[in-house]
């Protein structure tokens, strides 16, 4: 097994993203539209998700902004 291959990034659904970000559905979509939130990934015709690593990085960046103020 090659140790240089990163593990697969999990695709998380809306309930996890809402809990992790602290935003409700509408706020997530508004921030996404404004370019201030990670873009969703289309999983099918009616299913979407977000990459866990992108959501966690976004939360960390928001925490850093809050700590600087």
PDB file of N, CA and C in Angstrom:
ATOM      1  N   UNK A   1       0.845  -1.187   0.000  1.00  0.00           N
ATOM      2  CA  UNK A   1       0.000   0.000   0.000  1.00  0.00           C
ATOM      3  C   UNK A   1       0.879   1.234   0.000  1.00  0.00           C
ATOM      4  N   UNK A   2       0.583   2.174  -0.899  1.00  0.00           N
ATOM      5  CA  UNK A   2       1.350   3.389  -1.034  1.00  0.00           C
ATOM      6  C   UNK A   2       0.936   4.385   0.046  1.00  0.00           C
ATOM      7  N   UNK A   3       1.871   4.815   0.872  1.00  0.00           N
ATOM      8  CA  UNK A   3       1.580   5.732   1.972  1.00  0.00           C
ATOM      9  C   UNK A   3       1.452   7.180   1.508  1.00  0.00           C
ATOM     10  N   UNK A   4       1.783   7.481   0.248  1.00  0.00           N
ATOM     11  CA  UNK A   4       1.736   8.847  -0.240  1.00  0.00           C
ATOM     12  C   UNK A   4       0.367   9.254  -0.766  1.00  0.00           C
ATOM     13  N   UNK A   5      -0.552   8.336  -0.879  1.00  0.00           N
ATOM     14  CA  UNK A   5      -1.888   8.639  -1.388  1.00  0.00           C
ATOM     15  C   UNK A   5      -2.744   9.133  -0.225  1.00  0.00           C
ATOM     16  N   UNK A   6      -3.305  10.367  -0.324  1.00  0.00           N
ATOM     17  CA  UNK A   6      -4.132  10.874   0.769  1.00  0.00           C
ATOM     18  C   UNK A   6      -5.430  10.095   0.872  1.00  0.00           C
ATOM     19  N   UNK A   7      -5.996  10.009   2.071  1.00  0.00           N
ATOM     20  CA  UNK A   7      -7.277   9.302   2.208  1.00  0.00           C
ATOM     21  C   UNK A   7      -8.365  10.050   1.442  1.00  0.00           C
ATOM     22  N   UNK A   8      -9.376   9.331   1.036  1.00  0.00           N
ATOM     23  CA  UNK A   8     -10.477   9.939   0.288  1.00  0.00           C
ATOM     24  C   UNK A   8     -11.191  10.959   1.166  1.00  0.00           C
ATOM     25  N   UNK A   9     -11.547  12.066   0.577  1.00  0.00           N
ATOM     26  CA  UNK A   9     -12.265  13.118   1.279  1.00  0.00           C
ATOM     27  C   UNK A   9     -13.726  12.711   1.389  1.00  0.00           C
ATOM     28  N   UNK A  10     -14.276  12.767   2.591  1.00  0.00           N
ATOM     29  CA  UNK A  10     -15.679  12.410   2.774  1.00  0.00           C
ATOM     30  C   UNK A  10     -16.575  13.494   2.207  1.00  0.00           C
ATOM     31  N   UNK A  11     -17.670  13.072   1.645  1.00  0.00           N
ATOM     32  CA  UNK A  11     -18.709  13.998   1.210  1.00  0.00           C
ATOM     33  C   UNK A  11     -19.759  14.013   2.306  1.00  0.00           C
ATOM     34  N   UNK A  12     -20.003  15.204   2.842  1.00  0.00           N
ATOM     35  CA  UNK A  12     -20.952  15.349   3.949  1.00  0.00           C
ATOM     36  C   UNK A  12     -22.249  15.980   3.450  1.00  0.00           C
ATOM     37  N   UNK A  13     -23.329  15.543   4.046  1.00  0.00           N
ATOM     38  CA  UNK A  13     -24.657  16.026   3.668  1.00  0.00           C
ATOM     39  C   UNK A  13     -25.022  17.253   4.494  1.00  0.00           C
ATOM     40  N   UNK A  14     -26.121  17.880   4.133  1.00  0.00           N
ATOM     41  CA  UNK A  14     -26.540  19.153   4.708  1.00  0.00           C
ATOM     42  C   UNK A  14     -26.652  19.148   6.239  1.00  0.00           C
ATOM     43  N   UNK A  15     -27.255  18.147   6.877  1.00  0.00           N
ATOM     44  CA  UNK A  15     -27.358  18.212   8.342  1.00  0.00           C
ATOM     45  C   UNK A  15     -25.988  18.345   9.031  1.00  0.00           C
ATOM     46  N   UNK A  16     -24.985  17.610   8.551  1.00  0.00           N
ATOM     47  CA  UNK A  16     -23.639  17.699   9.133  1.00  0.00           C
ATOM     48  C   UNK A  16     -23.042  19.075   8.873  1.00  0.00           C
ATOM     49  N   UNK A  17     -23.229  19.597   7.662  1.00  0.00           N
ATOM     50  CA  UNK A  17     -22.683  20.912   7.305  1.00  0.00           C
ATOM     51  C   UNK A  17     -23.336  21.993   8.161  1.00  0.00           C
ATOM     52  N   UNK A  18     -24.633  21.899   8.381  1.00  0.00           N
ATOM     53  CA  UNK A  18     -25.327  22.884   9.222  1.00  0.00           C
ATOM     54  C   UNK A  18     -24.806  22.817  10.652  1.00  0.00           C
ATOM     55  N   UNK A  19     -24.646  21.630  11.184  1.00  0.00           N
ATOM     56  CA  UNK A  19     -24.147  21.476  12.555  1.00  0.00           C
ATOM     57  C   UNK A  19     -22.717  21.985  12.685  1.00  0.00           C
ATOM     58  N   UNK A  20     -21.876  21.685  11.715  1.00  0.00           N
ATOM     59  CA  UNK A  20     -20.465  22.050  11.779  1.00  0.00           C
ATOM     60  C   UNK A  20     -20.252  23.547  11.563  1.00  0.00           C
ATOM     61  N   UNK A  21     -21.004  24.128  10.629  1.00  0.00           N
ATOM     62  CA  UNK A  21     -20.818  25.545  10.305  1.00  0.00           C
ATOM     63  C   UNK A  21     -21.576  26.467  11.254  1.00  0.00           C
ATOM     64  N   UNK A  22     -22.641  25.956  11.852  1.00  0.00           N
ATOM     65  CA  UNK A  22     -23.480  26.793  12.697  1.00  0.00           C
ATOM     66  C   UNK A  22     -24.497  27.595  11.904  1.00  0.00           C
ATOM     67  N   UNK A  23     -24.571  27.348  10.593  1.00  0.00           N
ATOM     68  CA  UNK A  23     -25.511  28.054   9.723  1.00  0.00           C
ATOM     69  C   UNK A  23     -26.708  27.176   9.417  1.00  0.00           C
ATOM     70  N   UNK A  24     -27.827  27.828   9.171  1.00  0.00           N
ATOM     71  CA  UNK A  24     -29.008  27.139   8.666  1.00  0.00           C
ATOM     72  C   UNK A  24     -28.898  27.025   7.144  1.00  0.00           C
ATOM     73  N   UNK A  25     -29.792  26.268   6.547  1.00  0.00           N
ATOM     74  CA  UNK A  25     -29.788  25.994   5.101  1.00  0.00           C
ATOM     75  C   UNK A  25     -29.718  27.275   4.262  1.00  0.00           C
ATOM     76  N   UNK A  26     -30.564  28.238   4.559  1.00  0.00           N
ATOM     77  CA  UNK A  26     -30.618  29.460   3.760  1.00  0.00           C
ATOM     78  C   UNK A  26     -29.313  30.240   3.837  1.00  0.00           C
ATOM     79  N   UNK A  27     -28.733  30.333   5.018  1.00  0.00           N
ATOM     80  CA  UNK A  27     -27.476  31.061   5.186  1.00  0.00           C
ATOM     81  C   UNK A  27     -26.341  30.370   4.438  1.00  0.00           C
ATOM     82  N   UNK A  28     -26.328  29.046   4.456  1.00  0.00           N
ATOM     83  CA  UNK A  28     -25.299  28.305   3.717  1.00  0.00           C
ATOM     84  C   UNK A  28     -25.395  28.631   2.241  1.00  0.00           C
ATOM     85  N   UNK A  29     -26.583  28.571   1.679  1.00  0.00           N
ATOM     86  CA  UNK A  29     -26.747  28.835   0.251  1.00  0.00           C
ATOM     87  C   UNK A  29     -26.446  30.291  -0.094  1.00  0.00           C
ATOM     88  N   UNK A  30     -26.809  31.212   0.787  1.00  0.00           N
ATOM     89  CA  UNK A  30     -26.507  32.626   0.527  1.00  0.00           C
ATOM     90  C   UNK A  30     -24.993  32.867   0.531  1.00  0.00           C
ATOM     91  N   UNK A  31     -24.294  32.324   1.542  1.00  0.00           N
ATOM     92  CA  UNK A  31     -22.833  32.473   1.602  1.00  0.00           C
ATOM     93  C   UNK A  31     -22.158  31.774   0.425  1.00  0.00           C
ATOM     94  N   UNK A  32     -22.684  30.635   0.024  1.00  0.00           N
ATOM     95  CA  UNK A  32     -22.141  29.930  -1.128  1.00  0.00           C
ATOM     96  C   UNK A  32     -22.300  30.779  -2.394  1.00  0.00           C
ATOM     97  N   UNK A  33     -23.456  31.384  -2.568  1.00  0.00           N
ATOM     98  CA  UNK A  33     -23.713  32.222  -3.733  1.00  0.00           C
ATOM     99  C   UNK A  33     -22.789  33.435  -3.749  1.00  0.00           C
ATOM    100  N   UNK A  34     -22.495  33.981  -2.575  1.00  0.00           N
ATOM    101  CA  UNK A  34     -21.607  35.137  -2.458  1.00  0.00           C
ATOM    102  C   UNK A  34     -20.134  34.754  -2.616  1.00  0.00           C
ATOM    103  N   UNK A  35     -19.838  33.453  -2.677  1.00  0.00           N
ATOM    104  CA  UNK A  35     -18.466  32.992  -2.819  1.00  0.00           C
ATOM    105  C   UNK A  35     -17.721  32.904  -1.504  1.00  0.00           C
ATOM    106  N   UNK A  36     -18.453  32.948  -0.396  1.00  0.00           N
ATOM    107  CA  UNK A  36     -17.850  32.921   0.933  1.00  0.00           C
ATOM    108  C   UNK A  36     -18.059  31.582   1.638  1.00  0.00           C
ATOM    109  N   UNK A  37     -18.333  30.549   0.885  1.00  0.00           N
ATOM    110  CA  UNK A  37     -18.566  29.221   1.468  1.00  0.00           C
ATOM    111  C   UNK A  37     -18.174  28.197   0.422  1.00  0.00           C
ATOM    112  N   UNK A  38     -17.666  27.043   0.856  1.00  0.00           N
ATOM    113  CA  UNK A  38     -17.281  26.012  -0.123  1.00  0.00           C
ATOM    114  C   UNK A  38     -18.444  25.621  -1.028  1.00  0.00           C
ATOM    115  N   UNK A  39     -18.126  25.331  -2.266  1.00  0.00           N
ATOM    116  CA  UNK A  39     -19.139  24.933  -3.243  1.00  0.00           C
ATOM    117  C   UNK A  39     -19.608  23.511  -2.973  1.00  0.00           C
ATOM    118  N   UNK A  40     -20.863  23.295  -3.265  1.00  0.00           N
ATOM    119  CA  UNK A  40     -21.438  21.954  -3.096  1.00  0.00           C
ATOM    120  C   UNK A  40     -20.972  21.028  -4.210  1.00  0.00           C
ATOM    121  N   UNK A  41     -21.123  19.738  -3.969  1.00  0.00           N
ATOM    122  CA  UNK A  41     -20.802  18.699  -4.944  1.00  0.00           C
ATOM    123  C   UNK A  41     -22.103  18.005  -5.297  1.00  0.00           C
ATOM    124  N   UNK A  42     -22.413  17.913  -6.574  1.00  0.00           N
ATOM    125  CA  UNK A  42     -23.632  17.237  -7.012  1.00  0.00           C
ATOM    126  C   UNK A  42     -23.387  15.731  -6.979  1.00  0.00           C
ATOM    127  N   UNK A  43     -24.223  15.024  -6.221  1.00  0.00           N
ATOM    128  CA  UNK A  43     -24.095  13.574  -6.078  1.00  0.00           C
ATOM    129  C   UNK A  43     -25.066  12.817  -6.967  1.00  0.00           C
ATOM    130  N   UNK A  44     -26.058  13.486  -7.434  1.00  0.00           N
ATOM    131  CA  UNK A  44     -27.080  12.884  -8.282  1.00  0.00           C
ATOM    132  C   UNK A  44     -28.036  13.970  -8.699  1.00  0.00           C
ATOM    133  N   UNK A  45     -29.141  13.583  -9.283  1.00  0.00           N
ATOM    134  CA  UNK A  45     -30.083  14.587  -9.775  1.00  0.00           C
ATOM    135  C   UNK A  45     -30.724  15.390  -8.641  1.00  0.00           C
ATOM    136  N   UNK A  46     -30.839  14.798  -7.455  1.00  0.00           N
ATOM    137  CA  UNK A  46     -31.481  15.481  -6.335  1.00  0.00           C
ATOM    138  C   UNK A  46     -30.644  15.454  -5.063  1.00  0.00           C
ATOM    139  N   UNK A  47     -29.402  15.070  -5.165  1.00  0.00           N
ATOM    140  CA  UNK A  47     -28.560  14.950  -3.980  1.00  0.00           C
ATOM    141  C   UNK A  47     -27.320  15.815  -4.094  1.00  0.00           C
ATOM    142  N   UNK A  48     -27.009  16.504  -3.003  1.00  0.00           N
ATOM    143  CA  UNK A  48     -25.801  17.318  -2.952  1.00  0.00           C
ATOM    144  C   UNK A  48     -25.056  17.028  -1.664  1.00  0.00           C
ATOM    145  N   UNK A  49     -23.811  17.425  -1.630  1.00  0.00           N
ATOM    146  CA  UNK A  49     -22.993  17.303  -0.434  1.00  0.00           C
ATOM    147  C   UNK A  49     -21.841  18.286  -0.525  1.00  0.00           C
ATOM    148  N   UNK A  50     -21.035  18.299   0.501  1.00  0.00           N
ATOM    149  CA  UNK A  50     -19.861  19.162   0.549  1.00  0.00           C
ATOM    150  C   UNK A  50     -18.665  18.327   0.982  1.00  0.00           C
ATOM    151  N   UNK A  51     -17.478  18.691   0.502  1.00  0.00           N
ATOM    152  CA  UNK A  51     -16.261  17.998   0.911  1.00  0.00           C
ATOM    153  C   UNK A  51     -15.944  18.373   2.360  1.00  0.00           C
ATOM    154  N   UNK A  52     -15.781  17.354   3.184  1.00  0.00           N
ATOM    155  CA  UNK A  52     -15.521  17.573   4.608  1.00  0.00           C
ATOM    156  C   UNK A  52     -14.298  18.465   4.816  1.00  0.00           C
ATOM    157  N   UNK A  53     -13.233  18.215   4.075  1.00  0.00           N
ATOM    158  CA  UNK A  53     -12.006  18.995   4.259  1.00  0.00           C
ATOM    159  C   UNK A  53     -12.228  20.475   3.974  1.00  0.00           C
ATOM    160  N   UNK A  54     -13.044  20.794   2.980  1.00  0.00           N
ATOM    161  CA  UNK A  54     -13.314  22.193   2.654  1.00  0.00           C
ATOM    162  C   UNK A  54     -14.144  22.871   3.740  1.00  0.00           C
ATOM    163  N   UNK A  55     -15.111  22.146   4.294  1.00  0.00           N
ATOM    164  CA  UNK A  55     -15.939  22.713   5.366  1.00  0.00           C
ATOM    165  C   UNK A  55     -15.091  22.946   6.613  1.00  0.00           C
ATOM    166  N   UNK A  56     -14.268  21.976   6.976  1.00  0.00           N
ATOM    167  CA  UNK A  56     -13.429  22.125   8.163  1.00  0.00           C
ATOM    168  C   UNK A  56     -12.419  23.252   7.992  1.00  0.00           C
ATOM    169  N   UNK A  57     -11.856  23.401   6.799  1.00  0.00           N
ATOM    170  CA  UNK A  57     -10.918  24.498   6.538  1.00  0.00           C
ATOM    171  C   UNK A  57     -11.642  25.836   6.622  1.00  0.00           C
ATOM    172  N   UNK A  58     -12.866  25.895   6.120  1.00  0.00           N
ATOM    173  CA  UNK A  58     -13.645  27.123   6.169  1.00  0.00           C
ATOM    174  C   UNK A  58     -13.938  27.503   7.620  1.00  0.00           C
ATOM    175  N   UNK A  59     -14.349  26.518   8.431  1.00  0.00           N
ATOM    176  CA  UNK A  59     -14.624  26.785   9.851  1.00  0.00           C
ATOM    177  C   UNK A  59     -13.360  27.284  10.545  1.00  0.00           C
ATOM    178  N   UNK A  60     -12.222  26.650  10.274  1.00  0.00           N
ATOM    179  CA  UNK A  60     -10.958  27.068  10.884  1.00  0.00           C
ATOM    180  C   UNK A  60     -10.599  28.495  10.480  1.00  0.00           C
ATOM    181  N   UNK A  61     -10.861  28.863   9.224  1.00  0.00           N
ATOM    182  CA  UNK A  61     -10.551  30.216   8.779  1.00  0.00           C
ATOM    183  C   UNK A  61     -11.451  31.232   9.475  1.00  0.00           C
ATOM    184  N   UNK A  62     -12.693  30.875   9.710  1.00  0.00           N
ATOM    185  CA  UNK A  62     -13.618  31.773  10.417  1.00  0.00           C
ATOM    186  C   UNK A  62     -13.202  31.933  11.871  1.00  0.00           C
ATOM    187  N   UNK A  63     -12.719  30.845  12.488  1.00  0.00           N
ATOM    188  CA  UNK A  63     -12.247  30.917  13.867  1.00  0.00           C
ATOM    189  C   UNK A  63     -11.020  31.821  13.964  1.00  0.00           C
ATOM    190  N   UNK A  64     -10.146  31.745  12.948  1.00  0.00           N
ATOM    191  CA  UNK A  64      -8.950  32.578  12.939  1.00  0.00           C
ATOM    192  C   UNK A  64      -9.312  34.053  12.816  1.00  0.00           C
ATOM    193  N   UNK A  65     -10.319  34.370  12.004  1.00  0.00           N
ATOM    194  CA  UNK A  65     -10.775  35.750  11.852  1.00  0.00           C
ATOM    195  C   UNK A  65     -11.341  36.245  13.184  1.00  0.00           C
ATOM    196  N   UNK A  66     -12.128  35.401  13.833  1.00  0.00           N
ATOM    197  CA  UNK A  66     -12.721  35.785  15.123  1.00  0.00           C
ATOM    198  C   UNK A  66     -11.689  36.001  16.205  1.00  0.00           C
ATOM    199  N   UNK A  67     -10.621  35.195  16.206  1.00  0.00           N
ATOM    200  CA  UNK A  67      -9.576  35.320  17.197  1.00  0.00           C
ATOM    201  C   UNK A  67      -8.742  36.570  16.987  1.00  0.00           C
ATOM    202  N   UNK A  68      -8.638  37.022  15.736  1.00  0.00           N
ATOM    203  CA  UNK A  68      -7.837  38.200  15.417  1.00  0.00           C
ATOM    204  C   UNK A  68      -8.544  39.488  15.838  1.00  0.00           C
ATOM    205  N   UNK A  69      -9.850  39.452  15.973  1.00  0.00           N
ATOM    206  CA  UNK A  69     -10.605  40.666  16.318  1.00  0.00           C
ATOM    207  C   UNK A  69     -10.679  40.879  17.778  1.00  0.00           C
TER     208      UNK A  69
END
